[in-house]
C-alpha atoms as a PDB file:
ATOM      1  CA  MET A   1      52.845 119.383  75.078  1.00  0.00           C
ATOM      2  CA  ARG A   2      53.415 116.450  72.091  1.00  0.00           C
ATOM      3  CA  THR A   3      55.158 113.851  73.965  1.00  0.00           C
ATOM      4  CA  ILE A   4      58.483 112.551  72.180  1.00  0.00           C
ATOM      5  CA  SER A   5      60.062 110.578  73.941  1.00  0.00           C
ATOM      6  CA  GLN A   6      58.258 107.238  75.070  1.00  0.00           C
ATOM      7  CA  ILE A   7      58.666 108.372  79.094  1.00  0.00           C
ATOM      8  CA  VAL A   8      59.277 112.203  79.037  1.00  0.00           C
ATOM      9  CA  ASN A   9      57.451 114.861  77.535  1.00  0.00           C
ATOM     10  CA  ASP A  10      59.011 117.555  76.125  1.00  0.00           C
ATOM     11  CA  GLY A  11      60.964 120.760  78.595  1.00  0.00           C
ATOM     12  CA  ALA A  12      58.988 124.065  78.156  1.00  0.00           C
ATOM     13  CA  VAL A  13      60.718 126.244  76.194  1.00  0.00           C
ATOM     14  CA  THR A  14      62.114 129.867  77.854  1.00  0.00           C
ATOM     15  CA  PRO A  15      63.684 131.407  75.853  1.00  0.00           C
ATOM     16  CA  GLU A  16      66.617 130.177  77.481  1.00  0.00           C
ATOM     17  CA  ILE A  17      66.953 126.951  76.356  1.00  0.00           C
ATOM     18  CA  ASP A  18      64.898 128.235  73.132  1.00  0.00           C
ATOM     19  CA  GLU A  19      68.272 130.462  72.930  1.00  0.00           C
ATOM     20  CA  THR A  20      70.236 127.361  73.971  1.00  0.00           C
ATOM     21  CA  PHE A  21      68.803 124.928  70.825  1.00  0.00           C
ATOM     22  CA  GLY A  22      69.610 127.920  68.298  1.00  0.00           C
ATOM     23  CA  LYS A  23      72.934 127.374  69.298  1.00  0.00           C
ATOM     24  CA  ILE A  24      72.812 123.329  69.321  1.00  0.00           C
ATOM     25  CA  LYS A  25      71.465 123.777  65.870  1.00  0.00           C
ATOM     26  CA  THR A  26      74.409 126.034  64.123  1.00  0.00           C
ATOM     27  CA  ALA A  27      76.762 123.738  65.868  1.00  0.00           C
ATOM     28  CA  LEU A  28      75.715 120.565  64.454  1.00  0.00           C
ATOM     29  CA  ASN A  29      74.934 122.578  61.313  1.00  0.00           C
ATOM     30  CA  ALA A  30      71.258 120.535  61.542  1.00  0.00           C
ATOM     31  CA  PRO A  31      68.038 122.042  60.513  1.00  0.00           C
ATOM     32  CA  PHE A  32      65.940 121.575  63.493  1.00  0.00           C
ATOM     33  CA  THR A  33      66.834 120.468  67.064  1.00  0.00           C
ATOM     34  CA  PRO A  34      67.049 117.121  67.900  1.00  0.00           C
ATOM     35  CA  ASN A  35      64.551 115.522  70.197  1.00  0.00           C
ATOM     36  CA  PHE A  36      66.900 114.340  72.094  1.00  0.00           C
ATOM     37  CA  PHE A  37      67.067 118.056  73.508  1.00  0.00           C
ATOM     38  CA  ARG A  38      64.126 118.761  73.482  1.00  0.00           C
ATOM     39  CA  VAL A  39      64.159 115.727  76.232  1.00  0.00           C
ATOM     40  CA  TRP A  40      66.339 117.104  78.360  1.00  0.00           C
ATOM     41  CA  ALA A  41      64.552 120.264  78.163  1.00  0.00           C
ATOM     42  CA  ALA A  42      62.171 118.909  81.329  1.00  0.00           C
ATOM     43  CA  ALA A  43      65.475 118.889  83.081  1.00  0.00           C
ATOM     44  CA  PRO A  44      67.469 122.940  81.954  1.00  0.00           C
ATOM     45  CA  GLU A  45      69.698 122.423  84.206  1.00  0.00           C
ATOM     46  CA  SER A  46      70.754 118.959  83.243  1.00  0.00           C
ATOM     47  CA  LEU A  47      70.628 120.358  79.883  1.00  0.00           C
ATOM     48  CA  LYS A  48      73.074 123.688  80.384  1.00  0.00           C
ATOM     49  CA  GLY A  49      75.524 120.639  81.361  1.00  0.00           C
ATOM     50  CA  ILE A  50      74.712 117.941  78.438  1.00  0.00           C
ATOM     51  CA  TRP A  51      74.688 120.016  76.033  1.00  0.00           C
ATOM     52  CA  PRO A  52      77.998 122.001  75.784  1.00  0.00           C
ATOM     53  CA  VAL A  53      79.728 118.734  76.680  1.00  0.00           C
ATOM     54  CA  MET A  54      78.261 117.500  73.146  1.00  0.00           C
ATOM     55  CA  ASN A  55      79.713 120.491  71.969  1.00  0.00           C
ATOM     56  CA  HIS A  56      82.468 121.325  72.862  1.00  0.00           C
ATOM     57  CA  ILE A  57      84.133 117.267  72.468  1.00  0.00           C
ATOM     58  CA  LEU A  58      82.258 116.412  68.964  1.00  0.00           C
ATOM     59  CA  THR A  59      82.333 120.126  67.378  1.00  0.00           C
ATOM     60  CA  SER A  60      86.243 120.788  69.024  1.00  0.00           C
ATOM     61  CA  GLY A  61      89.055 120.210  68.730  1.00  0.00           C
ATOM     62  CA  ARG A  62      91.993 118.673  66.074  1.00  0.00           C
ATOM     63  CA  VAL A  63      90.581 115.384  65.724  1.00  0.00           C
ATOM     64  CA  SER A  64      87.779 115.663  62.804  1.00  0.00           C
ATOM     65  CA  ARG A  65      83.862 116.066  63.204  1.00  0.00           C
ATOM     66  CA  ARG A  66      84.241 113.791  60.454  1.00  0.00           C
ATOM     67  CA  LEU A  67      85.448 111.233  62.474  1.00  0.00           C
ATOM     68  CA  LYS A  68      83.929 111.696  65.579  1.00  0.00           C
ATOM     69  CA  GLU A  69      80.560 110.606  63.909  1.00  0.00           C
ATOM     70  CA  MET A  70      81.897 107.457  62.845  1.00  0.00           C
ATOM     71  CA  ILE A  71      82.680 106.437  66.057  1.00  0.00           C
ATOM     72  CA  PHE A  72      79.430 107.771  67.809  1.00  0.00           C
ATOM     73  CA  VAL A  73      77.892 105.467  64.489  1.00  0.00           C
ATOM     74  CA  ALA A  74      79.883 102.642  65.829  1.00  0.00           C
ATOM     75  CA  ILE A  75      79.667 102.874  69.083  1.00  0.00           C
ATOM     76  CA  SER A  76      75.831 103.627  69.329  1.00  0.00           C
ATOM     77  CA  SER A  77      75.247 100.565  67.383  1.00  0.00           C
ATOM     78  CA  LEU A  78      77.614  97.944  69.554  1.00  0.00           C
ATOM     79  CA  LYS A  79      75.354  99.843  72.987  1.00  0.00           C
ATOM     80  CA  SER A  80      71.662  99.059  70.389  1.00  0.00           C
ATOM     81  CA  CYS A  81      71.350 103.233  71.060  1.00  0.00           C
ATOM     82  CA  HIS A  82      69.173 103.771  67.987  1.00  0.00           C
ATOM     83  CA  TYR A  83      68.727 107.103  68.841  1.00  0.00           C
ATOM     84  CA  CYS A  84      71.649 107.807  68.690  1.00  0.00           C
ATOM     85  CA  GLU A  85      72.969 105.705  65.615  1.00  0.00           C
ATOM     86  CA  ALA A  86      70.163 107.348  63.298  1.00  0.00           C
ATOM     87  CA  ALA A  87      70.366 111.053  64.458  1.00  0.00           C
ATOM     88  CA  HIS A  88      74.952 110.051  63.955  1.00  0.00           C
ATOM     89  CA  HIS A  89      74.309 108.352  60.175  1.00  0.00           C
ATOM     90  CA  ALA A  90      72.305 111.655  59.172  1.00  0.00           C
ATOM     91  CA  PHE A  91      75.289 113.658  60.469  1.00  0.00           C
ATOM     92  CA  CYS A  92      77.368 111.425  58.428  1.00  0.00           C
ATOM     93  CA  LEU A  93      75.727 111.637  55.464  1.00  0.00           C
ATOM     94  CA  SER A  94      75.548 115.108  55.321  1.00  0.00           C
ATOM     95  CA  ILE A  95      79.654 115.328  55.906  1.00  0.00           C
ATOM     96  CA  GLY A  96      80.171 113.222  53.338  1.00  0.00           C
ATOM     97  CA  VAL A  97      80.213 109.650  54.795  1.00  0.00           C
ATOM     98  CA  SER A  98      79.435 107.100  52.312  1.00  0.00           C
ATOM     99  CA  GLN A  99      76.373 104.405  52.949  1.00  0.00           C
ATOM    100  CA  THR A 100      78.936 101.622  52.602  1.00  0.00           C
ATOM    101  CA  GLN A 101      81.024 103.237  55.479  1.00  0.00           C
ATOM    102  CA  ILE A 102      78.323 103.909  57.501  1.00  0.00           C
ATOM    103  CA  ASP A 103      76.755 100.073  56.876  1.00  0.00           C
ATOM    104  CA  ARG A 104      79.960  98.731  58.181  1.00  0.00           C
ATOM    105  CA  LEU A 105      80.022 100.811  61.112  1.00  0.00           C
ATOM    106  CA  ILE A 106      76.535  99.578  61.855  1.00  0.00           C
ATOM    107  CA  LYS A 107      77.010  95.968  61.335  1.00  0.00           C
ATOM    108  CA  ASP A 108      81.034  95.495  62.327  1.00  0.00           C
ATOM    109  CA  TYR A 109      81.513  98.583  64.331  1.00  0.00           C
ATOM    110  CA  THR A 110      84.020  99.848  61.852  1.00  0.00           C
ATOM    111  CA  ILE A 111      85.094 101.114  58.717  1.00  0.00           C
ATOM    112  CA  ASP A 112      87.603  98.346  56.008  1.00  0.00           C
ATOM    113  CA  ALA A 113      91.162  99.307  56.516  1.00  0.00           C
ATOM    114  CA  SER A 114      91.345 100.328  52.191  1.00  0.00           C
ATOM    115  CA  ASP A 115      89.384 103.528  53.364  1.00  0.00           C
ATOM    116  CA  ASN A 116      91.433 105.040  55.729  1.00  0.00           C
ATOM    117  CA  PRO A 117      93.405 102.286  57.698  1.00  0.00           C
ATOM    118  CA  LYS A 118      94.154 105.761  60.693  1.00  0.00           C
ATOM    119  CA  ASP A 119      90.700 106.116  60.838  1.00  0.00           C
ATOM    120  CA  LYS A 120      90.181 102.503  61.045  1.00  0.00           C
ATOM    121  CA  ALA A 121      92.798 101.760  64.099  1.00  0.00           C
ATOM    122  CA  ALA A 122      90.884 105.050  66.129  1.00  0.00           C
ATOM    123  CA  ILE A 123      87.641 104.054  66.129  1.00  0.00           C
ATOM    124  CA  ASP A 124      88.961 100.152  66.510  1.00  0.00           C
ATOM    125  CA  PHE A 125      90.109 101.778  69.436  1.00  0.00           C
ATOM    126  CA  ALA A 126      87.310 104.212  70.678  1.00  0.00           C
ATOM    127  CA  VAL A 127      85.131 101.307  69.992  1.00  0.00           C
ATOM    128  CA  ARG A 128      87.146  98.832  72.170  1.00  0.00           C
ATOM    129  CA  LEU A 129      87.125 101.327  75.160  1.00  0.00           C
ATOM    130  CA  ALA A 130      83.580 101.863  74.928  1.00  0.00           C
ATOM    131  CA  LYS A 131      82.964  97.919  75.758  1.00  0.00           C
ATOM    132  CA  ASP A 132      85.560  98.527  77.842  1.00  0.00           C
ATOM    133  CA  SER A 133      87.223 101.262  79.122  1.00  0.00           C
ATOM    134  CA  HIS A 134      90.015  99.572  81.106  1.00  0.00           C
ATOM    135  CA  ASP A 135      91.587  97.581  77.984  1.00  0.00           C
ATOM    136  CA  SER A 136      93.510 100.580  76.432  1.00  0.00           C
ATOM    137  CA  SER A 137      97.460 100.539  76.959  1.00  0.00           C
ATOM    138  CA  LYS A 138     100.928 102.160  75.647  1.00  0.00           C
ATOM    139  CA  GLN A 139     101.262  99.857  72.814  1.00  0.00           C
ATOM    140  CA  ASP A 140      97.140 100.649  71.948  1.00  0.00           C
ATOM    141  CA  PHE A 141      99.135 104.480  71.904  1.00  0.00           C
ATOM    142  CA  GLN A 142     102.636 103.373  70.365  1.00  0.00           C
ATOM    143  CA  ASN A 143     100.017 102.269  67.260  1.00  0.00           C
ATOM    144  CA  LEU A 144      97.727 104.934  67.338  1.00  0.00           C
ATOM    145  CA  ARG A 145     101.070 107.190  67.524  1.00  0.00           C
ATOM    146  CA  GLU A 146     102.361 105.869  65.135  1.00  0.00           C
ATOM    147  CA  LEU A 147     100.338 106.136  62.426  1.00  0.00           C
ATOM    148  CA  GLY A 148     100.207 109.813  62.634  1.00  0.00           C
ATOM    149  CA  PHE A 149      97.974 110.758  65.972  1.00  0.00           C
ATOM    150  CA  ASP A 150      99.615 113.293  68.951  1.00  0.00           C
ATOM    151  CA  ASP A 151      98.597 112.070  72.221  1.00  0.00           C
ATOM    152  CA  GLU A 152      96.546 115.229  72.848  1.00  0.00           C
ATOM    153  CA  GLU A 153      94.762 113.693  69.980  1.00  0.00           C
ATOM    154  CA  ILE A 154      94.460 110.190  71.153  1.00  0.00           C
ATOM    155  CA  MET A 155      92.707 112.081  74.455  1.00  0.00           C
ATOM    156  CA  GLU A 156      90.169 113.300  72.004  1.00  0.00           C
ATOM    157  CA  LEU A 157      89.394 109.904  70.868  1.00  0.00           C
ATOM    158  CA  ILE A 158      88.667 108.493  74.281  1.00  0.00           C
ATOM    159  CA  ALA A 159      86.877 111.605  75.088  1.00  0.00           C
ATOM    160  CA  MET A 160      85.019 110.964  71.941  1.00  0.00           C
ATOM    161  CA  SER A 161      84.586 107.363  72.886  1.00  0.00           C
ATOM    162  CA  GLY A 162      83.347 108.250  76.848  1.00  0.00           C
ATOM    163  CA  MET A 163      81.386 110.858  75.489  1.00  0.00           C
ATOM    164  CA  ALA A 164      79.624 108.474  73.182  1.00  0.00           C
ATOM    165  CA  VAL A 165      79.073 106.062  75.559  1.00  0.00           C
ATOM    166  CA  PHE A 166      77.005 108.636  78.220  1.00  0.00           C
ATOM    167  CA  TYR A 167      75.101 109.778  75.770  1.00  0.00           C
ATOM    168  CA  ASN A 168      73.747 106.093  74.419  1.00  0.00           C
ATOM    169  CA  HIS A 169      73.103 105.717  77.687  1.00  0.00           C
ATOM    170  CA  LEU A 170      70.367 109.418  78.241  1.00  0.00           C
ATOM    171  CA  ALA A 171      69.068 108.022  74.798  1.00  0.00           C
ATOM    172  CA  ASN A 172      68.060 104.672  75.731  1.00  0.00           C
ATOM    173  CA  ALA A 173      66.802 105.810  79.301  1.00  0.00           C
ATOM    174  CA  THR A 174      64.224 108.368  78.132  1.00  0.00           C
ATOM    175  CA  LYS A 175      63.978 106.101  75.199  1.00  0.00           C
ATOM    176  CA  ILE A 176      63.960 108.661  72.895  1.00  0.00           C
ATOM    177  CA  ASN A 177      61.699 108.237  69.534  1.00  0.00           C
ATOM    178  CA  ILE A 178      63.613 109.112  66.222  1.00  0.00           C
ATOM    179  CA  ASP A 179      63.354 112.413  64.694  1.00  0.00           C
ATOM    180  CA  GLU A 180      61.658 112.634  61.734  1.00  0.00           C
ATOM    181  CA  GLY A 181      64.252 114.470  60.140  1.00  0.00           C
ATOM    182  CA  PHE A 182      66.762 112.344  60.658  1.00  0.00           C
ATOM    183  CA  THR A 183      64.710 109.259  59.228  1.00  0.00           C
ATOM    184  CA  LYS A 184      64.252 111.426  55.875  1.00  0.00           C
ATOM    185  CA  ILE A 185      68.101 112.203  55.726  1.00  0.00           C
ATOM    186  CA  ILE A 186      68.934 108.398  55.991  1.00  0.00           C
ATOM    187  CA  SER A 187      65.997 107.665  53.507  1.00  0.00           C
ATOM    188  CA  ARG A 188      67.892 109.505  50.853  1.00  0.00           C
ATOM    189  CA  GLY A 189      71.277 108.511  51.391  1.00  0.00           C
END
């Protein structure tokens, strides 16, 4: 087995796992199966739960994948999850987020209000919840509504914030090595 983590080796790639890997690549529009999922193949039952959550929250719903990816980068930087930060940095580049915006997400966990005040408010809200999930209020909902988010979209932002924290936890705990493919995309960015 090829070791892609400092702790856990690749799981056996059964036909069922291989099918899941194919779904992951398609849904994420990735040219390879990220190391994150290869490590979790060592625990197929956990992978069966981990992948559908990411797939649904990150790639479905009414909030754009672009905004969700920016939230993922900001929270990953905040939580010092170098794997998730790199992976979602690469995904951001592939869907048109500028390197300047990504640099700001990594450094300050936000973007400039001049870029998009609505996106900035959503990112700031999600990052604040990643720091302290008790830190939401009626005023937050009102402010986001005034910017054009409805309650369903606000709930998606909350789900995205929580999901990013959860996946950062999983990646940090397994010490996953950053995929060479992500590193190449970032270096061209």
